[in-house]
Amino acid sequence: MGKISVICAKSSEDLGRRLAKKINGNLVKTEIRIFPDGESKITLKGNISKTKSIVVQSIYPPVDTNLIQALSLISKAKENSSEVITIIPYMGYARQDREFLPGEIVTMKVLAKLFKGAGTSKLIVVDIHSLIGLKHFKIKSKNVSAVADLAAYFKKLSLESPLVVSPDQGGKERAKEFAKELGTEYIVLEKKRDRKTGKVQIKTKQVDVLGRDLILVDDMISTGGSIINATKFLKKEKCKRVFVACTHALLINEAEKKIRKSGVTKIVSTNTIPGKTSIVDISNTIAKAII
């Protein structure tokens, strides 16, 4: 049996390289040309295993381009390999996992059919926004958590009486797990989001955070609205420093700048999405999930 092939496009090249090293796989790089009309032309550079291939591709902006590239890589891998494991470190469209308002299309249902149709044998995602999304997939699927990796980074910092904070009820379990890894407590803020406008308000009235370093924990940061609101509220409550820990840092529309301006000392994210803040490597956790 030859080495497992690890195929990755530009959106996850660094993560793919690290993963191939961890599992002693054969890295197959891609050459991508984007035409003026937005179409992608993909050429693979390397040999694909006849037994097992792993496709690594995060679906972050440009979301639809990265999605089509992922499906194309899976399809090509399936032409050569009897088994294709698809790793989508950041799953775009994961927030569209159910019909919130009448007439909304559940896009995750569509993606489930596409991934299966392209040839995926098994799907691995990292901190998907909601596990409901994975229920639409009729193939083996697994969600892995980056919490332990992120917490390990914060263990190395000299924090003053650290407290883990979830910006909303939806992240309660994540905050609880993070606090357990760190050996400290956690609190959960109450927020209200307008489904039509997307505007977020903090409903919590008061918290005891005086003089403590806080770690705001979330699965993903897009525009940063929830984090900014939470930081402003916590700063008014006389906390010390505010750190942000998230798995996926999309940071759309100068979100990083706006978050820092609100009073955040540092944003720490994983390399599911490459960027300035992605300083925590998740390849080891993904490698364990492949076995």
Foldseek 3Di string as FASTA:
>chain_A
DDFEEEEEEPQCVVLSVVLCVVRVHHYKYWDWDQDPVGDIDIDIHDDHAQAEYEYEFEQFPVNVNSLVVQLVVLLVNVVRHVAYEYEHAHDPLLVLLDPPDPPDDSVLLVSLCSNVVSPHQEYEYEPRVDCSSVVSHPHHYYYFYCLLLLLVVVLPDDWFQEEEEELDPSCVVSSCVNCVSNVHYYDYWHWDADPVPRQIATPDDADQQAAGEYEYEDAEAALCRSLLNVLLVVVVNHHDAYEYEYAYYSNPPVSVVSNVVSGHPAYAYDVSGDDPRRPGHCSVRVSVVVD
